[in-house]
PDB file of N, CA and C in Angstrom:
ATOM      1  N   MET A   1      22.066  16.649  95.347  1.00  0.00           N
ATOM      2  CA  MET A   1      22.185  17.921  94.532  1.00  0.00           C
ATOM      3  C   MET A   1      21.175  18.834  95.438  1.00  0.00           C
ATOM      4  N   GLU A   2      21.574  20.207  95.594  1.00  0.00           N
ATOM      5  CA  GLU A   2      20.699  21.140  96.253  1.00  0.00           C
ATOM      6  C   GLU A   2      19.636  21.578  95.189  1.00  0.00           C
ATOM      7  N   GLN A   3      18.562  21.854  95.941  1.00  0.00           N
ATOM      8  CA  GLN A   3      17.298  22.370  95.095  1.00  0.00           C
ATOM      9  C   GLN A   3      17.068  23.646  95.717  1.00  0.00           C
ATOM     10  N   PHE A   4      16.307  24.424  94.812  1.00  0.00           N
ATOM     11  CA  PHE A   4      15.822  25.756  95.027  1.00  0.00           C
ATOM     12  C   PHE A   4      14.511  25.878  94.707  1.00  0.00           C
ATOM     13  N   ARG A   5      13.847  27.084  95.092  1.00  0.00           N
ATOM     14  CA  ARG A   5      12.301  27.417  94.625  1.00  0.00           C
ATOM     15  C   ARG A   5      12.641  28.636  94.297  1.00  0.00           C
ATOM     16  N   TYR A   6      12.417  28.975  93.173  1.00  0.00           N
ATOM     17  CA  TYR A   6      12.150  30.337  92.594  1.00  0.00           C
ATOM     18  C   TYR A   6      10.888  30.902  92.644  1.00  0.00           C
ATOM     19  N   ARG A   7      10.698  32.107  92.665  1.00  0.00           N
ATOM     20  CA  ARG A   7       9.398  32.794  92.320  1.00  0.00           C
ATOM     21  C   ARG A   7       9.755  33.844  91.522  1.00  0.00           C
ATOM     22  N   LEU A   8       9.053  33.957  90.339  1.00  0.00           N
ATOM     23  CA  LEU A   8       9.152  35.223  89.646  1.00  0.00           C
ATOM     24  C   LEU A   8       7.975  36.020  89.494  1.00  0.00           C
ATOM     25  N   TYR A   9       8.041  37.234  89.856  1.00  0.00           N
ATOM     26  CA  TYR A   9       6.781  38.019  89.883  1.00  0.00           C
ATOM     27  C   TYR A   9       6.608  39.011  88.698  1.00  0.00           C
ATOM     28  N   THR A  10       5.637  38.963  88.158  1.00  0.00           N
ATOM     29  CA  THR A  10       5.574  39.816  86.828  1.00  0.00           C
ATOM     30  C   THR A  10       4.073  40.037  86.411  1.00  0.00           C
ATOM     31  N   GLU A  11       3.705  41.106  85.761  1.00  0.00           N
ATOM     32  CA  GLU A  11       2.475  41.304  85.197  1.00  0.00           C
ATOM     33  C   GLU A  11       1.804  40.235  84.463  1.00  0.00           C
ATOM     34  N   ARG A  12       0.521  39.968  84.812  1.00  0.00           N
ATOM     35  CA  ARG A  12      -0.197  38.729  84.084  1.00  0.00           C
ATOM     36  C   ARG A  12      -0.527  38.943  82.620  1.00  0.00           C
ATOM     37  N   LYS A  13      -0.127  38.168  81.874  1.00  0.00           N
ATOM     38  CA  LYS A  13      -0.180  38.245  80.373  1.00  0.00           C
ATOM     39  C   LYS A  13      -0.644  36.441  79.970  1.00  0.00           C
ATOM     40  N   ASP A  14      -1.470  36.509  78.971  1.00  0.00           N
ATOM     41  CA  ASP A  14      -1.868  35.100  78.604  1.00  0.00           C
ATOM     42  C   ASP A  14      -0.517  34.354  78.054  1.00  0.00           C
ATOM     43  N   ASN A  15       0.450  34.914  77.763  1.00  0.00           N
ATOM     44  CA  ASN A  15       1.477  33.912  77.305  1.00  0.00           C
ATOM     45  C   ASN A  15       2.602  33.368  78.256  1.00  0.00           C
ATOM     46  N   LEU A  16       2.558  33.717  79.516  1.00  0.00           N
ATOM     47  CA  LEU A  16       3.258  33.238  80.703  1.00  0.00           C
ATOM     48  C   LEU A  16       3.598  31.657  80.545  1.00  0.00           C
ATOM     49  N   LYS A  17       2.573  30.928  80.280  1.00  0.00           N
ATOM     50  CA  LYS A  17       2.624  29.620  80.371  1.00  0.00           C
ATOM     51  C   LYS A  17       3.556  28.919  79.054  1.00  0.00           C
ATOM     52  N   GLN A  18       3.326  29.450  78.003  1.00  0.00           N
ATOM     53  CA  GLN A  18       4.269  29.178  76.918  1.00  0.00           C
ATOM     54  C   GLN A  18       5.504  29.534  77.147  1.00  0.00           C
ATOM     55  N   LEU A  19       5.714  30.812  77.825  1.00  0.00           N
ATOM     56  CA  LEU A  19       7.320  31.273  77.684  1.00  0.00           C
ATOM     57  C   LEU A  19       7.934  30.269  78.740  1.00  0.00           C
ATOM     58  N   VAL A  20       7.582  30.000  79.948  1.00  0.00           N
ATOM     59  CA  VAL A  20       8.064  29.090  81.000  1.00  0.00           C
ATOM     60  C   VAL A  20       8.271  27.550  80.466  1.00  0.00           C
ATOM     61  N   SER A  21       7.078  27.003  79.884  1.00  0.00           N
ATOM     62  CA  SER A  21       7.052  25.668  79.324  1.00  0.00           C
ATOM     63  C   SER A  21       8.261  25.610  78.171  1.00  0.00           C
ATOM     64  N   LYS A  22       8.780  26.700  77.425  1.00  0.00           N
ATOM     65  CA  LYS A  22       9.904  26.528  76.723  1.00  0.00           C
ATOM     66  C   LYS A  22      11.195  25.852  77.204  1.00  0.00           C
ATOM     67  N   TYR A  23      11.126  26.026  78.740  1.00  0.00           N
ATOM     68  CA  TYR A  23      12.616  25.650  79.379  1.00  0.00           C
ATOM     69  C   TYR A  23      12.091  24.523  80.530  1.00  0.00           C
ATOM     70  N   PHE A  24      10.859  24.510  81.024  1.00  0.00           N
ATOM     71  CA  PHE A  24      10.729  23.804  82.100  1.00  0.00           C
ATOM     72  C   PHE A  24       9.327  23.055  82.099  1.00  0.00           C
ATOM     73  N   GLN A  25       9.322  21.818  82.317  1.00  0.00           N
ATOM     74  CA  GLN A  25       8.261  20.894  82.081  1.00  0.00           C
ATOM     75  C   GLN A  25       7.179  21.047  83.306  1.00  0.00           C
ATOM     76  N   GLY A  26       7.690  21.405  84.514  1.00  0.00           N
ATOM     77  CA  GLY A  26       6.799  21.709  85.666  1.00  0.00           C
ATOM     78  C   GLY A  26       7.015  22.855  86.379  1.00  0.00           C
ATOM     79  N   PHE A  27       5.869  23.779  86.475  1.00  0.00           N
ATOM     80  CA  PHE A  27       6.006  25.009  87.477  1.00  0.00           C
ATOM     81  C   PHE A  27       4.455  25.220  87.645  1.00  0.00           C
ATOM     82  N   THR A  28       4.363  26.045  88.483  1.00  0.00           N
ATOM     83  CA  THR A  28       3.094  26.636  89.115  1.00  0.00           C
ATOM     84  C   THR A  28       2.820  28.204  88.787  1.00  0.00           C
ATOM     85  N   VAL A  29       1.657  28.493  88.283  1.00  0.00           N
ATOM     86  CA  VAL A  29       1.376  30.127  87.972  1.00  0.00           C
ATOM     87  C   VAL A  29       0.335  30.360  88.926  1.00  0.00           C
ATOM     88  N   ILE A  30       0.700  31.442  89.708  1.00  0.00           N
ATOM     89  CA  ILE A  30      -0.298  31.962  90.745  1.00  0.00           C
ATOM     90  C   ILE A  30      -0.827  33.188  90.319  1.00  0.00           C
ATOM     91  N   LEU A  31      -2.212  33.103  90.405  1.00  0.00           N
ATOM     92  CA  LEU A  31      -2.732  34.423  89.705  1.00  0.00           C
ATOM     93  C   LEU A  31      -2.913  35.704  91.098  1.00  0.00           C
ATOM     94  N   ALA A  32      -2.451  36.822  90.772  1.00  0.00           N
ATOM     95  CA  ALA A  32      -2.405  37.696  91.895  1.00  0.00           C
ATOM     96  C   ALA A  32      -2.894  39.084  91.531  1.00  0.00           C
ATOM     97  N   GLU A  33      -2.901  39.997  92.642  1.00  0.00           N
ATOM     98  CA  GLU A  33      -2.942  41.258  92.246  1.00  0.00           C
ATOM     99  C   GLU A  33      -1.785  42.087  92.695  1.00  0.00           C
ATOM    100  N   GLY A  34      -0.923  42.909  92.027  1.00  0.00           N
ATOM    101  CA  GLY A  34       0.339  43.392  92.736  1.00  0.00           C
ATOM    102  C   GLY A  34       0.070  44.886  92.596  1.00  0.00           C
ATOM    103  N   TYR A  35       0.683  45.617  93.387  1.00  0.00           N
ATOM    104  CA  TYR A  35       0.705  46.937  93.489  1.00  0.00           C
ATOM    105  C   TYR A  35       2.243  47.770  93.034  1.00  0.00           C
ATOM    106  N   TRP A  36       2.254  48.626  92.400  1.00  0.00           N
ATOM    107  CA  TRP A  36       3.480  49.395  92.157  1.00  0.00           C
ATOM    108  C   TRP A  36       3.049  50.598  92.296  1.00  0.00           C
ATOM    109  N   GLU A  37       3.818  51.546  93.035  1.00  0.00           N
ATOM    110  CA  GLU A  37       3.670  53.112  93.356  1.00  0.00           C
ATOM    111  C   GLU A  37       2.118  53.242  93.417  1.00  0.00           C
ATOM    112  N   GLY A  38       1.401  52.407  94.273  1.00  0.00           N
ATOM    113  CA  GLY A  38       0.109  52.567  94.650  1.00  0.00           C
ATOM    114  C   GLY A  38      -1.100  52.255  93.641  1.00  0.00           C
ATOM    115  N   ILE A  39      -0.669  51.655  92.440  1.00  0.00           N
ATOM    116  CA  ILE A  39      -1.336  51.363  91.398  1.00  0.00           C
ATOM    117  C   ILE A  39      -1.522  49.776  91.344  1.00  0.00           C
ATOM    118  N   GLY A  40      -2.751  49.016  91.348  1.00  0.00           N
ATOM    119  CA  GLY A  40      -2.875  47.903  91.246  1.00  0.00           C
ATOM    120  C   GLY A  40      -2.806  47.339  89.837  1.00  0.00           C
ATOM    121  N   GLU A  41      -2.322  46.000  89.585  1.00  0.00           N
ATOM    122  CA  GLU A  41      -2.176  45.657  88.294  1.00  0.00           C
ATOM    123  C   GLU A  41      -2.411  44.204  88.330  1.00  0.00           C
ATOM    124  N   PRO A  42      -2.909  43.444  87.272  1.00  0.00           N
ATOM    125  CA  PRO A  42      -3.151  41.840  87.255  1.00  0.00           C
ATOM    126  C   PRO A  42      -1.572  41.348  87.229  1.00  0.00           C
ATOM    127  N   SER A  43      -1.481  40.463  88.330  1.00  0.00           N
ATOM    128  CA  SER A  43      -0.018  40.035  88.271  1.00  0.00           C
ATOM    129  C   SER A  43       0.015  38.567  88.435  1.00  0.00           C
ATOM    130  N   ALA A  44       1.190  38.041  88.222  1.00  0.00           N
ATOM    131  CA  ALA A  44       1.480  36.451  88.397  1.00  0.00           C
ATOM    132  C   ALA A  44       2.422  36.219  88.911  1.00  0.00           C
ATOM    133  N   ILE A  45       2.728  34.976  89.697  1.00  0.00           N
ATOM    134  CA  ILE A  45       3.737  34.524  90.473  1.00  0.00           C
ATOM    135  C   ILE A  45       4.224  33.110  89.907  1.00  0.00           C
ATOM    136  N   ILE A  46       5.463  32.986  89.075  1.00  0.00           N
ATOM    137  CA  ILE A  46       5.726  31.862  88.600  1.00  0.00           C
ATOM    138  C   ILE A  46       6.699  31.082  89.437  1.00  0.00           C
ATOM    139  N   GLU A  47       6.247  29.914  89.948  1.00  0.00           N
ATOM    140  CA  GLU A  47       7.078  29.222  91.067  1.00  0.00           C
ATOM    141  C   GLU A  47       7.656  27.870  90.425  1.00  0.00           C
ATOM    142  N   LEU A  48       9.000  27.835  90.526  1.00  0.00           N
ATOM    143  CA  LEU A  48       9.425  26.798  90.092  1.00  0.00           C
ATOM    144  C   LEU A  48      10.398  26.011  91.143  1.00  0.00           C
ATOM    145  N   VAL A  49      10.776  24.892  91.225  1.00  0.00           N
ATOM    146  CA  VAL A  49      11.618  24.212  91.812  1.00  0.00           C
ATOM    147  C   VAL A  49      12.871  23.522  90.944  1.00  0.00           C
ATOM    148  N   ILE A  50      14.031  23.898  91.266  1.00  0.00           N
ATOM    149  CA  ILE A  50      14.854  23.313  90.181  1.00  0.00           C
ATOM    150  C   ILE A  50      15.964  22.839  91.244  1.00  0.00           C
ATOM    151  N   GLU A  51      16.910  22.021  90.558  1.00  0.00           N
ATOM    152  CA  GLU A  51      18.165  21.643  91.070  1.00  0.00           C
ATOM    153  C   GLU A  51      19.053  22.928  90.523  1.00  0.00           C
ATOM    154  N   GLY A  52      20.294  22.925  91.459  1.00  0.00           N
ATOM    155  CA  GLY A  52      21.108  24.195  91.301  1.00  0.00           C
ATOM    156  C   GLY A  52      22.157  23.795  90.135  1.00  0.00           C
ATOM    157  N   THR A  53      21.936  23.146  89.321  1.00  0.00           N
ATOM    158  CA  THR A  53      22.916  22.916  88.113  1.00  0.00           C
ATOM    159  C   THR A  53      22.991  24.329  87.226  1.00  0.00           C
ATOM    160  N   LEU A  54      23.948  24.364  86.471  1.00  0.00           N
ATOM    161  CA  LEU A  54      24.201  25.666  85.701  1.00  0.00           C
ATOM    162  C   LEU A  54      23.312  25.480  84.566  1.00  0.00           C
ATOM    163  N   THR A  55      22.827  24.439  83.918  1.00  0.00           N
ATOM    164  CA  THR A  55      21.891  24.612  83.123  1.00  0.00           C
ATOM    165  C   THR A  55      20.616  25.030  83.499  1.00  0.00           C
ATOM    166  N   GLN A  56      20.091  24.542  84.632  1.00  0.00           N
ATOM    167  CA  GLN A  56      18.764  24.881  85.296  1.00  0.00           C
ATOM    168  C   GLN A  56      18.785  26.380  85.628  1.00  0.00           C
ATOM    169  N   VAL A  57      19.984  27.106  86.112  1.00  0.00           N
ATOM    170  CA  VAL A  57      20.215  28.604  86.395  1.00  0.00           C
ATOM    171  C   VAL A  57      20.113  29.300  85.041  1.00  0.00           C
ATOM    172  N   ILE A  58      20.496  28.587  83.975  1.00  0.00           N
ATOM    173  CA  ILE A  58      20.650  29.349  82.528  1.00  0.00           C
ATOM    174  C   ILE A  58      19.303  29.465  82.206  1.00  0.00           C
ATOM    175  N   HIS A  59      18.478  28.403  82.356  1.00  0.00           N
ATOM    176  CA  HIS A  59      17.013  28.450  81.913  1.00  0.00           C
ATOM    177  C   HIS A  59      16.207  29.532  82.697  1.00  0.00           C
ATOM    178  N   ILE A  60      16.484  29.560  84.125  1.00  0.00           N
ATOM    179  CA  ILE A  60      15.809  30.526  84.853  1.00  0.00           C
ATOM    180  C   ILE A  60      16.206  31.937  84.345  1.00  0.00           C
ATOM    181  N   GLU A  61      17.221  32.309  84.096  1.00  0.00           N
ATOM    182  CA  GLU A  61      17.902  33.552  83.446  1.00  0.00           C
ATOM    183  C   GLU A  61      17.291  33.788  81.969  1.00  0.00           C
ATOM    184  N   ALA A  62      16.933  32.686  81.307  1.00  0.00           N
ATOM    185  CA  ALA A  62      16.267  32.747  79.971  1.00  0.00           C
ATOM    186  C   ALA A  62      14.849  33.079  80.188  1.00  0.00           C
ATOM    187  N   VAL A  63      14.310  32.575  80.987  1.00  0.00           N
ATOM    188  CA  VAL A  63      12.743  32.932  81.238  1.00  0.00           C
ATOM    189  C   VAL A  63      12.740  34.249  81.675  1.00  0.00           C
ATOM    190  N   ILE A  64      13.374  34.758  82.620  1.00  0.00           N
ATOM    191  CA  ILE A  64      13.573  36.190  82.897  1.00  0.00           C
ATOM    192  C   ILE A  64      13.476  37.141  81.874  1.00  0.00           C
ATOM    193  N   GLN A  65      14.497  37.041  81.172  1.00  0.00           N
ATOM    194  CA  GLN A  65      14.725  37.815  79.754  1.00  0.00           C
ATOM    195  C   GLN A  65      13.543  37.749  78.805  1.00  0.00           C
ATOM    196  N   ASP A  66      13.096  36.539  78.622  1.00  0.00           N
ATOM    197  CA  ASP A  66      11.712  36.504  77.755  1.00  0.00           C
ATOM    198  C   ASP A  66      10.534  37.259  78.290  1.00  0.00           C
ATOM    199  N   ILE A  67      10.472  37.075  79.755  1.00  0.00           N
ATOM    200  CA  ILE A  67       9.197  37.778  80.070  1.00  0.00           C
ATOM    201  C   ILE A  67       9.695  39.265  80.142  1.00  0.00           C
ATOM    202  N   LYS A  68      10.659  39.636  80.376  1.00  0.00           N
ATOM    203  CA  LYS A  68      10.982  41.311  80.202  1.00  0.00           C
ATOM    204  C   LYS A  68      10.702  41.722  78.966  1.00  0.00           C
ATOM    205  N   ILE A  69      11.031  41.047  77.871  1.00  0.00           N
ATOM    206  CA  ILE A  69      10.774  41.287  76.571  1.00  0.00           C
ATOM    207  C   ILE A  69       9.371  41.462  76.181  1.00  0.00           C
ATOM    208  N   VAL A  70       8.613  40.212  76.252  1.00  0.00           N
ATOM    209  CA  VAL A  70       7.318  40.078  75.767  1.00  0.00           C
ATOM    210  C   VAL A  70       6.419  40.965  76.842  1.00  0.00           C
ATOM    211  N   ASN A  71       6.639  41.173  78.182  1.00  0.00           N
ATOM    212  CA  ASN A  71       5.713  42.096  78.999  1.00  0.00           C
ATOM    213  C   ASN A  71       6.342  43.530  78.914  1.00  0.00           C
ATOM    214  N   GLU A  72       7.362  43.766  78.086  1.00  0.00           N
ATOM    215  CA  GLU A  72       7.823  45.166  78.276  1.00  0.00           C
ATOM    216  C   GLU A  72       8.087  45.686  79.514  1.00  0.00           C
ATOM    217  N   GLN A  73       8.866  45.079  80.252  1.00  0.00           N
ATOM    218  CA  GLN A  73       9.165  45.512  81.545  1.00  0.00           C
ATOM    219  C   GLN A  73      10.767  45.543  81.840  1.00  0.00           C
ATOM    220  N   GLN A  74      11.123  46.650  82.758  1.00  0.00           N
ATOM    221  CA  GLN A  74      12.435  46.709  82.747  1.00  0.00           C
ATOM    222  C   GLN A  74      13.046  45.681  83.812  1.00  0.00           C
ATOM    223  N   SER A  75      12.148  44.968  84.484  1.00  0.00           N
ATOM    224  CA  SER A  75      12.862  44.154  85.590  1.00  0.00           C
ATOM    225  C   SER A  75      11.750  43.174  85.969  1.00  0.00           C
ATOM    226  N   VAL A  76      11.926  42.057  86.445  1.00  0.00           N
ATOM    227  CA  VAL A  76      11.287  40.967  87.038  1.00  0.00           C
ATOM    228  C   VAL A  76      11.652  40.750  88.501  1.00  0.00           C
ATOM    229  N   MET A  77      10.869  40.890  89.315  1.00  0.00           N
ATOM    230  CA  MET A  77      11.407  40.416  90.780  1.00  0.00           C
ATOM    231  C   MET A  77      11.397  39.038  90.754  1.00  0.00           C
ATOM    232  N   VAL A  78      12.483  38.650  91.656  1.00  0.00           N
ATOM    233  CA  VAL A  78      12.782  37.243  91.418  1.00  0.00           C
ATOM    234  C   VAL A  78      13.219  36.851  93.026  1.00  0.00           C
ATOM    235  N   THR A  79      12.698  35.809  93.709  1.00  0.00           N
ATOM    236  CA  THR A  79      13.212  35.269  94.901  1.00  0.00           C
ATOM    237  C   THR A  79      13.714  33.899  94.587  1.00  0.00           C
ATOM    238  N   ARG A  80      14.674  33.569  95.497  1.00  0.00           N
ATOM    239  CA  ARG A  80      15.312  32.187  95.482  1.00  0.00           C
ATOM    240  C   ARG A  80      15.522  31.758  97.039  1.00  0.00           C
ATOM    241  N   GLU A  81      15.138  30.387  97.237  1.00  0.00           N
ATOM    242  CA  GLU A  81      15.565  29.889  98.639  1.00  0.00           C
ATOM    243  C   GLU A  81      15.638  28.459  98.441  1.00  0.00           C
ATOM    244  N   PRO A  82      16.596  27.863  99.224  1.00  0.00           N
ATOM    245  CA  PRO A  82      17.012  26.379  99.160  1.00  0.00           C
ATOM    246  C   PRO A  82      15.639  25.779  99.829  1.00  0.00           C
ATOM    247  N   VAL A  83      15.412  24.612  99.162  1.00  0.00           N
ATOM    248  CA  VAL A  83      14.289  23.902  99.714  1.00  0.00           C
ATOM    249  C   VAL A  83      14.661  22.367  99.646  1.00  0.00           C
ATOM    250  N   GLU A  84      13.862  21.596 100.622  1.00  0.00           N
ATOM    251  CA  GLU A  84      13.957  20.075 100.352  1.00  0.00           C
ATOM    252  C   GLU A  84      12.949  19.778  99.962  1.00  0.00           C
ATOM    253  N   VAL A  85      12.854  18.775  99.008  1.00  0.00           N
ATOM    254  CA  VAL A  85      11.567  18.292  98.196  1.00  0.00           C
ATOM    255  C   VAL A  85      11.543  16.889  98.480  1.00  0.00           C
ATOM    256  N   GLU A  86      10.092  16.288  98.403  1.00  0.00           N
ATOM    257  CA  GLU A  86      10.072  14.837  98.590  1.00  0.00           C
ATOM    258  C   GLU A  86       8.525  14.532  98.071  1.00  0.00           C
ATOM    259  N   PHE A  87       8.362  13.491  97.422  1.00  0.00           N
ATOM    260  CA  PHE A  87       7.119  13.229  96.569  1.00  0.00           C
ATOM    261  C   PHE A  87       6.745  11.933  97.534  1.00  0.00           C
ATOM    262  N   LYS A  88       5.503  11.949  98.146  1.00  0.00           N
ATOM    263  CA  LYS A  88       5.065  10.988  98.949  1.00  0.00           C
ATOM    264  C   LYS A  88       3.691  10.256  98.421  1.00  0.00           C
TER     265      LYS A  88
END
């Protein structure tokens, strides 16, 4: 099964871990400072590695919608790339 790394870029809020953990057991939150139109803001990058199943993709879309609602954002920047994963 092909696997993908998703990164969701959003405003940093205290509730991100709870939102994502409703759908996924494992993920990483990277604290950052983002800029929009020259103005800095506390940001977060949520990184997930998932299998490309329909269920997993539906969960990604659900997390994105939840973040948009809770953070009162029009959009969340999302990147996706195929990855190979091993645990050694």
